[in-house]
C-alpha atoms as a PDB file:
ATOM      1  CA  MET A   1     160.688 -10.262 218.582  1.00  0.00           C
ATOM      2  CA  ALA A   2     161.299  -9.208 222.088  1.00  0.00           C
ATOM      3  CA  PHE A   3     158.335  -7.994 224.261  1.00  0.00           C
ATOM      4  CA  ASP A   4     159.367  -5.850 227.301  1.00  0.00           C
ATOM      5  CA  ILE A   5     155.751  -6.309 228.674  1.00  0.00           C
ATOM      6  CA  CYS A   6     156.297 -10.041 228.955  1.00  0.00           C
ATOM      7  CA  PRO A   7     159.881 -11.359 228.064  1.00  0.00           C
ATOM      8  CA  ALA A   8     158.599 -14.989 228.086  1.00  0.00           C
ATOM      9  CA  ALA A   9     156.315 -14.139 225.131  1.00  0.00           C
ATOM     10  CA  THR A  10     157.673 -14.911 221.625  1.00  0.00           C
ATOM     11  CA  THR A  11     154.683 -14.843 219.369  1.00  0.00           C
ATOM     12  CA  VAL A  12     151.562 -12.861 218.596  1.00  0.00           C
ATOM     13  CA  THR A  13     148.685 -15.193 218.157  1.00  0.00           C
ATOM     14  CA  GLN A  14     145.830 -12.685 217.819  1.00  0.00           C
ATOM     15  CA  SER A  15     146.574  -9.243 216.373  1.00  0.00           C
ATOM     16  CA  PHE A  16     144.548  -6.174 217.101  1.00  0.00           C
ATOM     17  CA  GLY A  17     141.539  -5.431 214.921  1.00  0.00           C
ATOM     18  CA  ASP A  18     139.054  -7.148 212.586  1.00  0.00           C
ATOM     19  CA  THR A  19     139.067 -10.915 212.640  1.00  0.00           C
ATOM     20  CA  THR A  20     137.108 -14.103 211.696  1.00  0.00           C
ATOM     21  CA  PHE A  21     137.912 -15.713 215.066  1.00  0.00           C
ATOM     22  CA  ALA A  22     134.442 -16.375 216.528  1.00  0.00           C
ATOM     23  CA  LEU A  23     135.537 -16.282 220.123  1.00  0.00           C
ATOM     24  CA  GLU A  24     136.094 -12.472 219.807  1.00  0.00           C
ATOM     25  CA  TRP A  25     133.463  -9.762 220.045  1.00  0.00           C
ATOM     26  CA  PRO A  26     130.749  -9.994 217.405  1.00  0.00           C
ATOM     27  CA  ALA A  27     130.996  -6.793 215.274  1.00  0.00           C
ATOM     28  CA  PRO A  28     128.864  -6.575 212.049  1.00  0.00           C
ATOM     29  CA  TRP A  29     130.962  -3.616 210.964  1.00  0.00           C
ATOM     30  CA  ALA A  30     134.258  -5.544 211.124  1.00  0.00           C
ATOM     31  CA  ALA A  31     135.713  -7.399 208.142  1.00  0.00           C
ATOM     32  CA  GLY A  32     135.266 -11.032 209.170  1.00  0.00           C
ATOM     33  CA  GLY A  33     132.434 -10.249 211.520  1.00  0.00           C
ATOM     34  CA  PHE A  34     134.447 -10.080 214.765  1.00  0.00           C
ATOM     35  CA  PHE A  35     136.800  -7.625 216.514  1.00  0.00           C
ATOM     36  CA  HIS A  36     139.704  -8.349 218.721  1.00  0.00           C
ATOM     37  CA  ALA A  37     140.202  -5.360 221.119  1.00  0.00           C
ATOM     38  CA  GLY A  38     143.887  -6.231 221.991  1.00  0.00           C
ATOM     39  CA  ILE A  39     146.960  -8.285 221.211  1.00  0.00           C
ATOM     40  CA  ASP A  40     147.501 -11.812 222.483  1.00  0.00           C
ATOM     41  CA  LEU A  41     150.952 -12.913 223.282  1.00  0.00           C
ATOM     42  CA  VAL A  42     152.153 -16.515 223.845  1.00  0.00           C
ATOM     43  CA  GLY A  43     155.374 -18.322 224.335  1.00  0.00           C
ATOM     44  CA  ALA A  44     156.476 -22.025 224.818  1.00  0.00           C
ATOM     45  CA  ASP A  45     156.783 -21.614 228.589  1.00  0.00           C
ATOM     46  CA  ILE A  46     154.720 -18.515 229.259  1.00  0.00           C
ATOM     47  CA  ASP A  47     152.363 -19.835 231.950  1.00  0.00           C
ATOM     48  CA  ARG A  48     152.946 -18.136 235.303  1.00  0.00           C
ATOM     49  CA  LYS A  49     155.807 -16.004 233.869  1.00  0.00           C
ATOM     50  CA  PRO A  50     155.962 -12.263 234.955  1.00  0.00           C
ATOM     51  CA  VAL A  51     154.462  -9.279 233.160  1.00  0.00           C
ATOM     52  CA  PHE A  52     155.818  -5.773 233.516  1.00  0.00           C
ATOM     53  CA  ALA A  53     154.776  -2.209 233.206  1.00  0.00           C
ATOM     54  CA  THR A  54     156.188  -0.589 230.085  1.00  0.00           C
ATOM     55  CA  ARG A  55     155.049   2.942 231.246  1.00  0.00           C
ATOM     56  CA  PRO A  56     155.007   4.752 234.555  1.00  0.00           C
ATOM     57  CA  GLY A  57     151.565   5.142 235.898  1.00  0.00           C
ATOM     58  CA  THR A  58     148.855   4.249 238.435  1.00  0.00           C
ATOM     59  CA  ILE A  59     146.969   1.036 238.868  1.00  0.00           C
ATOM     60  CA  VAL A  60     143.199   1.531 238.796  1.00  0.00           C
ATOM     61  CA  ALA A  61     140.330  -0.772 239.335  1.00  0.00           C
ATOM     62  CA  MET A  62     138.949  -2.769 236.420  1.00  0.00           C
ATOM     63  CA  ASP A  63     135.517  -2.142 235.107  1.00  0.00           C
ATOM     64  CA  ASP A  64     134.972  -5.650 234.056  1.00  0.00           C
ATOM     65  CA  PRO A  65     132.060  -7.362 235.999  1.00  0.00           C
ATOM     66  CA  VAL A  66     131.536 -11.046 236.333  1.00  0.00           C
ATOM     67  CA  HIS A  67     129.797 -12.662 233.341  1.00  0.00           C
ATOM     68  CA  THR A  68     128.580 -16.049 232.418  1.00  0.00           C
ATOM     69  CA  ILE A  69     131.160 -17.236 229.823  1.00  0.00           C
ATOM     70  CA  HIS A  70     130.666 -20.147 227.571  1.00  0.00           C
ATOM     71  CA  ILE A  71     133.934 -21.144 226.136  1.00  0.00           C
ATOM     72  CA  ALA A  72     135.683 -24.412 225.030  1.00  0.00           C
ATOM     73  CA  GLY A  73     132.751 -26.485 226.135  1.00  0.00           C
ATOM     74  CA  GLN A  74     132.786 -24.973 229.685  1.00  0.00           C
ATOM     75  CA  THR A  75     130.701 -22.402 231.505  1.00  0.00           C
ATOM     76  CA  ILE A  76     132.487 -20.171 233.957  1.00  0.00           C
ATOM     77  CA  GLU A  77     131.470 -17.102 236.028  1.00  0.00           C
ATOM     78  CA  GLU A  78     134.291 -14.648 235.839  1.00  0.00           C
ATOM     79  CA  PRO A  79     135.156 -11.229 234.275  1.00  0.00           C
ATOM     80  CA  PHE A  80     136.013 -11.475 230.586  1.00  0.00           C
ATOM     81  CA  LEU A  81     139.681 -10.612 231.290  1.00  0.00           C
ATOM     82  CA  GLY A  82     139.676 -12.704 234.531  1.00  0.00           C
ATOM     83  CA  PRO A  83     139.496 -11.708 238.238  1.00  0.00           C
ATOM     84  CA  ASN A  84     143.224 -10.876 238.304  1.00  0.00           C
ATOM     85  CA  ALA A  85     143.335  -8.580 235.346  1.00  0.00           C
ATOM     86  CA  VAL A  86     145.491  -5.389 235.909  1.00  0.00           C
ATOM     87  CA  CYS A  87     144.776  -1.913 234.465  1.00  0.00           C
ATOM     88  CA  LEU A  88     147.543   0.633 234.355  1.00  0.00           C
ATOM     89  CA  MET A  89     146.538   4.290 233.814  1.00  0.00           C
ATOM     90  CA  VAL A  90     149.135   6.275 232.055  1.00  0.00           C
ATOM     91  CA  THR A  91     149.138  10.067 231.543  1.00  0.00           C
ATOM     92  CA  GLU A  92     150.706  11.081 228.229  1.00  0.00           C
ATOM     93  CA  GLN A  93     151.370  14.469 226.862  1.00  0.00           C
ATOM     94  CA  ASP A  94     147.953  14.778 225.003  1.00  0.00           C
ATOM     95  CA  ARG A  95     145.829  11.980 226.612  1.00  0.00           C
ATOM     96  CA  THR A  96     145.374   9.316 229.262  1.00  0.00           C
ATOM     97  CA  VAL A  97     145.550   5.710 228.176  1.00  0.00           C
ATOM     98  CA  PHE A  98     144.576   2.630 230.131  1.00  0.00           C
ATOM     99  CA  ILE A  99     146.775  -0.429 229.485  1.00  0.00           C
ATOM    100  CA  GLU A 100     144.993  -3.710 230.446  1.00  0.00           C
ATOM    101  CA  TYR A 101     146.691  -6.935 231.181  1.00  0.00           C
ATOM    102  CA  GLY A 102     144.121  -9.789 230.828  1.00  0.00           C
ATOM    103  CA  HIS A 103     143.793 -13.424 231.908  1.00  0.00           C
ATOM    104  CA  LEU A 104     146.547 -13.186 234.528  1.00  0.00           C
ATOM    105  CA  ALA A 105     147.083 -16.001 236.972  1.00  0.00           C
ATOM    106  CA  SER A 106     147.948 -13.586 239.664  1.00  0.00           C
ATOM    107  CA  ALA A 107     148.398  -9.816 240.259  1.00  0.00           C
ATOM    108  CA  SER A 108     151.209  -8.404 242.393  1.00  0.00           C
ATOM    109  CA  VAL A 109     149.806  -4.831 242.441  1.00  0.00           C
ATOM    110  CA  SER A 110     146.578  -3.251 243.793  1.00  0.00           C
ATOM    111  CA  ALA A 111     144.363  -0.220 242.890  1.00  0.00           C
ATOM    112  CA  GLY A 112     145.896   3.067 243.741  1.00  0.00           C
ATOM    113  CA  GLN A 113     149.494   1.841 243.602  1.00  0.00           C
ATOM    114  CA  GLU A 114     152.044   3.888 241.634  1.00  0.00           C
ATOM    115  CA  VAL A 115     154.347   1.863 239.404  1.00  0.00           C
ATOM    116  CA  GLN A 116     157.362   2.644 237.221  1.00  0.00           C
ATOM    117  CA  ALA A 117     158.302   1.150 233.877  1.00  0.00           C
ATOM    118  CA  GLY A 118     159.934  -2.164 234.629  1.00  0.00           C
ATOM    119  CA  ASP A 119     157.881  -2.974 237.685  1.00  0.00           C
ATOM    120  CA  GLU A 120     156.336  -6.431 237.829  1.00  0.00           C
ATOM    121  CA  LEU A 121     152.500  -6.429 237.793  1.00  0.00           C
ATOM    122  CA  GLY A 122     151.530 -10.084 237.878  1.00  0.00           C
ATOM    123  CA  THR A 123     151.913 -13.466 236.107  1.00  0.00           C
ATOM    124  CA  VAL A 124     150.503 -14.864 232.889  1.00  0.00           C
ATOM    125  CA  GLY A 125     147.498 -17.234 233.142  1.00  0.00           C
ATOM    126  CA  THR A 126     144.364 -18.299 231.494  1.00  0.00           C
ATOM    127  CA  ARG A 127     141.561 -16.807 233.762  1.00  0.00           C
ATOM    128  CA  GLY A 128     138.347 -15.438 232.161  1.00  0.00           C
ATOM    129  CA  ALA A 129     137.400 -15.903 228.526  1.00  0.00           C
ATOM    130  CA  SER A 130     140.560 -17.777 227.577  1.00  0.00           C
ATOM    131  CA  THR A 131     141.409 -21.179 226.131  1.00  0.00           C
ATOM    132  CA  GLY A 132     145.038 -21.385 227.244  1.00  0.00           C
ATOM    133  CA  ALA A 133     147.788 -19.402 228.947  1.00  0.00           C
ATOM    134  CA  HIS A 134     148.526 -16.114 227.148  1.00  0.00           C
ATOM    135  CA  LEU A 135     148.808 -12.370 227.868  1.00  0.00           C
ATOM    136  CA  HIS A 136     146.010 -10.175 226.461  1.00  0.00           C
ATOM    137  CA  VAL A 137     147.009  -6.431 226.137  1.00  0.00           C
ATOM    138  CA  GLU A 138     144.375  -3.972 225.495  1.00  0.00           C
ATOM    139  CA  VAL A 139     144.680  -0.126 225.417  1.00  0.00           C
ATOM    140  CA  ARG A 140     141.787   2.197 225.708  1.00  0.00           C
ATOM    141  CA  THR A 141     141.377   6.004 226.107  1.00  0.00           C
ATOM    142  CA  ASP A 142     137.959   5.990 227.776  1.00  0.00           C
ATOM    143  CA  GLY A 143     138.709   4.232 231.033  1.00  0.00           C
ATOM    144  CA  PRO A 144     139.182   0.686 232.273  1.00  0.00           C
ATOM    145  CA  HIS A 145     137.624  -2.278 230.463  1.00  0.00           C
ATOM    146  CA  GLN A 146     134.570  -1.576 228.407  1.00  0.00           C
ATOM    147  CA  GLN A 147     132.603  -3.991 226.125  1.00  0.00           C
ATOM    148  CA  VAL A 148     133.184  -3.524 222.426  1.00  0.00           C
ATOM    149  CA  ARG A 149     130.311  -1.656 220.797  1.00  0.00           C
ATOM    150  CA  THR A 150     128.464  -3.867 218.243  1.00  0.00           C
ATOM    151  CA  ASP A 151     126.782  -0.923 216.404  1.00  0.00           C
ATOM    152  CA  VAL A 152     129.824   1.068 215.517  1.00  0.00           C
ATOM    153  CA  ARG A 153     133.651   0.883 215.684  1.00  0.00           C
ATOM    154  CA  ASP A 154     134.816   2.330 218.970  1.00  0.00           C
ATOM    155  CA  ALA A 155     137.630   4.893 218.331  1.00  0.00           C
ATOM    156  CA  ALA A 156     138.528   4.705 222.110  1.00  0.00           C
ATOM    157  CA  ILE A 157     140.094   1.246 221.506  1.00  0.00           C
ATOM    158  CA  ILE A 158     143.543   1.774 220.115  1.00  0.00           C
ATOM    159  CA  ASP A 159     146.287  -0.576 218.813  1.00  0.00           C
ATOM    160  CA  PRO A 160     148.333  -1.792 221.858  1.00  0.00           C
ATOM    161  CA  GLU A 161     151.447  -2.564 219.698  1.00  0.00           C
ATOM    162  CA  PRO A 162     153.519   0.523 220.832  1.00  0.00           C
ATOM    163  CA  TYR A 163     152.940  -0.350 224.521  1.00  0.00           C
ATOM    164  CA  LEU A 164     154.418  -3.837 224.243  1.00  0.00           C
ATOM    165  CA  THR A 165     157.892  -2.334 224.679  1.00  0.00           C
ATOM    166  CA  HIS A 166     159.335   0.455 226.688  1.00  0.00           C
ATOM    167  CA  ALA A 167     159.062   3.957 225.290  1.00  0.00           C
ATOM    168  CA  PRO A 168     162.300   5.265 223.823  1.00  0.00           C
ATOM    169  CA  GLY A 169     164.280   7.034 226.540  1.00  0.00           C
ATOM    170  CA  ALA A 170     162.166   5.622 229.281  1.00  0.00           C
ATOM    171  CA  VAL A 171     163.935   5.232 232.655  1.00  0.00           C
ATOM    172  CA  LEU A 172     163.108   1.881 234.035  1.00  0.00           C
ATOM    173  CA  ALA A 173     162.288   1.080 237.724  1.00  0.00           C
ATOM    174  CA  THR A 174     165.750  -0.645 237.848  1.00  0.00           C
ATOM    175  CA  GLY A 175     167.434   2.601 236.875  1.00  0.00           C
ATOM    176  CA  VAL A 176     168.415   1.654 233.323  1.00  0.00           C
ATOM    177  CA  SER A 177     167.432   3.920 230.473  1.00  0.00           C
ATOM    178  CA  HIS A 178     166.004   2.035 227.369  1.00  0.00           C
ATOM    179  CA  THR A 179     166.587   3.222 223.912  1.00  0.00           C
ATOM    180  CA  GLY A 180     165.926   1.645 220.517  1.00  0.00           C
ATOM    181  CA  GLY A 181     168.415   1.074 217.817  1.00  0.00           C
ATOM    182  CA  GLU A 182     172.022  -0.198 217.778  1.00  0.00           C
ATOM    183  CA  SER A 183     173.633   3.232 217.901  1.00  0.00           C
ATOM    184  CA  SER A 184     171.124   4.828 220.234  1.00  0.00           C
ATOM    185  CA  MET A 185     172.282   5.767 223.764  1.00  0.00           C
ATOM    186  CA  VAL A 186     170.986   7.799 226.646  1.00  0.00           C
ATOM    187  CA  ILE A 187     173.231   9.104 229.422  1.00  0.00           C
ATOM    188  CA  ILE A 188     171.799   9.116 232.919  1.00  0.00           C
ATOM    189  CA  PRO A 189     173.846  11.670 234.993  1.00  0.00           C
ATOM    190  CA  ALA A 190     175.610   9.973 237.853  1.00  0.00           C
ATOM    191  CA  PRO A 191     173.929  10.807 241.193  1.00  0.00           C
ATOM    192  CA  ALA A 192     175.944  12.937 243.654  1.00  0.00           C
ATOM    193  CA  ALA A 193     176.068   9.990 245.975  1.00  0.00           C
ATOM    194  CA  VAL A 194     178.003   7.819 243.610  1.00  0.00           C
ATOM    195  CA  ASN A 195     181.346   7.019 245.134  1.00  0.00           C
ATOM    196  CA  PRO A 196     184.148   7.375 242.477  1.00  0.00           C
ATOM    197  CA  ALA A 197     186.290   4.946 244.481  1.00  0.00           C
ATOM    198  CA  ARG A 198     183.958   2.232 243.694  1.00  0.00           C
ATOM    199  CA  LEU A 199     183.153   0.635 240.246  1.00  0.00           C
ATOM    200  CA  ASP A 200     179.603   1.252 239.237  1.00  0.00           C
ATOM    201  CA  VAL A 201     178.223  -1.272 236.839  1.00  0.00           C
ATOM    202  CA  PHE A 202     174.604  -2.007 235.972  1.00  0.00           C
ATOM    203  CA  VAL A 203     173.698  -5.717 236.307  1.00  0.00           C
ATOM    204  CA  ILE A 204     169.977  -6.363 235.968  1.00  0.00           C
ATOM    205  CA  ASP A 205     169.595  -9.964 235.017  1.00  0.00           C
ATOM    206  CA  ALA A 206     171.058 -12.612 232.724  1.00  0.00           C
ATOM    207  CA  ASN A 207     169.604 -11.068 229.668  1.00  0.00           C
ATOM    208  CA  LEU A 208     171.675  -7.962 230.099  1.00  0.00           C
ATOM    209  CA  ASN A 209     175.310  -8.107 228.847  1.00  0.00           C
ATOM    210  CA  VAL A 210     177.757  -5.462 229.993  1.00  0.00           C
ATOM    211  CA  ALA A 211     179.428  -4.267 226.902  1.00  0.00           C
ATOM    212  CA  ARG A 212     182.209  -2.135 228.474  1.00  0.00           C
ATOM    213  CA  THR A 213     182.774   0.295 231.344  1.00  0.00           C
ATOM    214  CA  PHE A 214     184.489   3.643 231.387  1.00  0.00           C
ATOM    215  CA  SER A 215     184.987   6.614 233.647  1.00  0.00           C
ATOM    216  CA  ASP A 216     183.406  10.070 233.159  1.00  0.00           C
ATOM    217  CA  GLY A 217     184.368  12.897 235.477  1.00  0.00           C
ATOM    218  CA  GLY A 218     185.611  10.588 238.160  1.00  0.00           C
ATOM    219  CA  ALA A 219     182.495   8.447 238.302  1.00  0.00           C
ATOM    220  CA  HIS A 220     182.222   5.127 236.623  1.00  0.00           C
ATOM    221  CA  MET A 221     179.509   4.354 234.054  1.00  0.00           C
ATOM    222  CA  ALA A 222     178.323   0.989 232.489  1.00  0.00           C
ATOM    223  CA  VAL A 223     177.146   0.644 228.974  1.00  0.00           C
ATOM    224  CA  ILE A 224     174.718  -2.281 228.540  1.00  0.00           C
ATOM    225  CA  ASN A 225     173.816  -4.094 225.402  1.00  0.00           C
ATOM    226  CA  VAL A 226     170.139  -5.251 225.543  1.00  0.00           C
ATOM    227  CA  ASP A 227     169.379  -7.365 222.537  1.00  0.00           C
ATOM    228  CA  GLY A 228     170.949  -4.872 220.110  1.00  0.00           C
ATOM    229  CA  SER A 229     169.800  -1.798 222.023  1.00  0.00           C
ATOM    230  CA  PHE A 230     172.161   0.150 224.413  1.00  0.00           C
ATOM    231  CA  ALA A 231     171.496   1.773 227.759  1.00  0.00           C
ATOM    232  CA  GLN A 232     173.571   3.305 230.585  1.00  0.00           C
ATOM    233  CA  GLY A 233     172.892   3.304 234.286  1.00  0.00           C
ATOM    234  CA  TRP A 234     174.497   3.473 237.743  1.00  0.00           C
ATOM    235  CA  THR A 235     174.787   1.078 240.618  1.00  0.00           C
ATOM    236  CA  ARG A 236     177.349   0.004 243.118  1.00  0.00           C
ATOM    237  CA  ILE A 237     179.516  -3.094 243.320  1.00  0.00           C
ATOM    238  CA  ASN A 238     182.889  -3.798 244.811  1.00  0.00           C
ATOM    239  CA  VAL A 239     185.789  -2.258 242.983  1.00  0.00           C
ATOM    240  CA  ASP A 240     187.531  -5.691 242.600  1.00  0.00           C
ATOM    241  CA  VAL A 241     184.681  -7.105 240.498  1.00  0.00           C
ATOM    242  CA  SER A 242     185.923  -7.375 236.958  1.00  0.00           C
ATOM    243  CA  THR A 243     183.707  -6.634 233.909  1.00  0.00           C
ATOM    244  CA  SER A 244     186.160  -7.136 231.090  1.00  0.00           C
END
């Protein structure tokens, strides 16, 4: 499975919800006695790999103070999600959600910064209450990081799974529009500044394969195949560059 939030991730090691894993929050109301407030992603070479915003929003300060953490035979003084954790506040149609990126080795954004889907936010690490490099993704509706309540299930903690990938139809920071499904396509109108005398092809990185190009109303468009999903976008390269 591909994760837009962290392309280097390949596996979910800890799902969201009730668990018997004793390093998670004690929760007498949970099946197994513990509760995992997010989803943990790992990969064979995930350490220090970039993580990205999957929604546009604003970076806000984390509410995760320093704690004395006893883990894996060690005692550390850090926030549970680490000192570099990033919280992205996203305004949706009917609510505001806070997407938290935990245990990061580094953060490339700061509080108050506006970001777009596709912007890099930091790199994967193992800071805070962590036993190895992974990305912890947590989504809440009541503000930045709060401790899990032990007396009753907290409805403000929601399943992060929908936020691991870009929203259907989302326009990424690079200008490509993401859609799901092999036959799904979104047309981004060509900006007025597009010069029809030049060939406009979207090339993001090695994971994007240009399927074909065609002309529409005098301006050129690229259709890109992204792991079985299709998208269209505009950029400018020299007319003598071949895409066939």
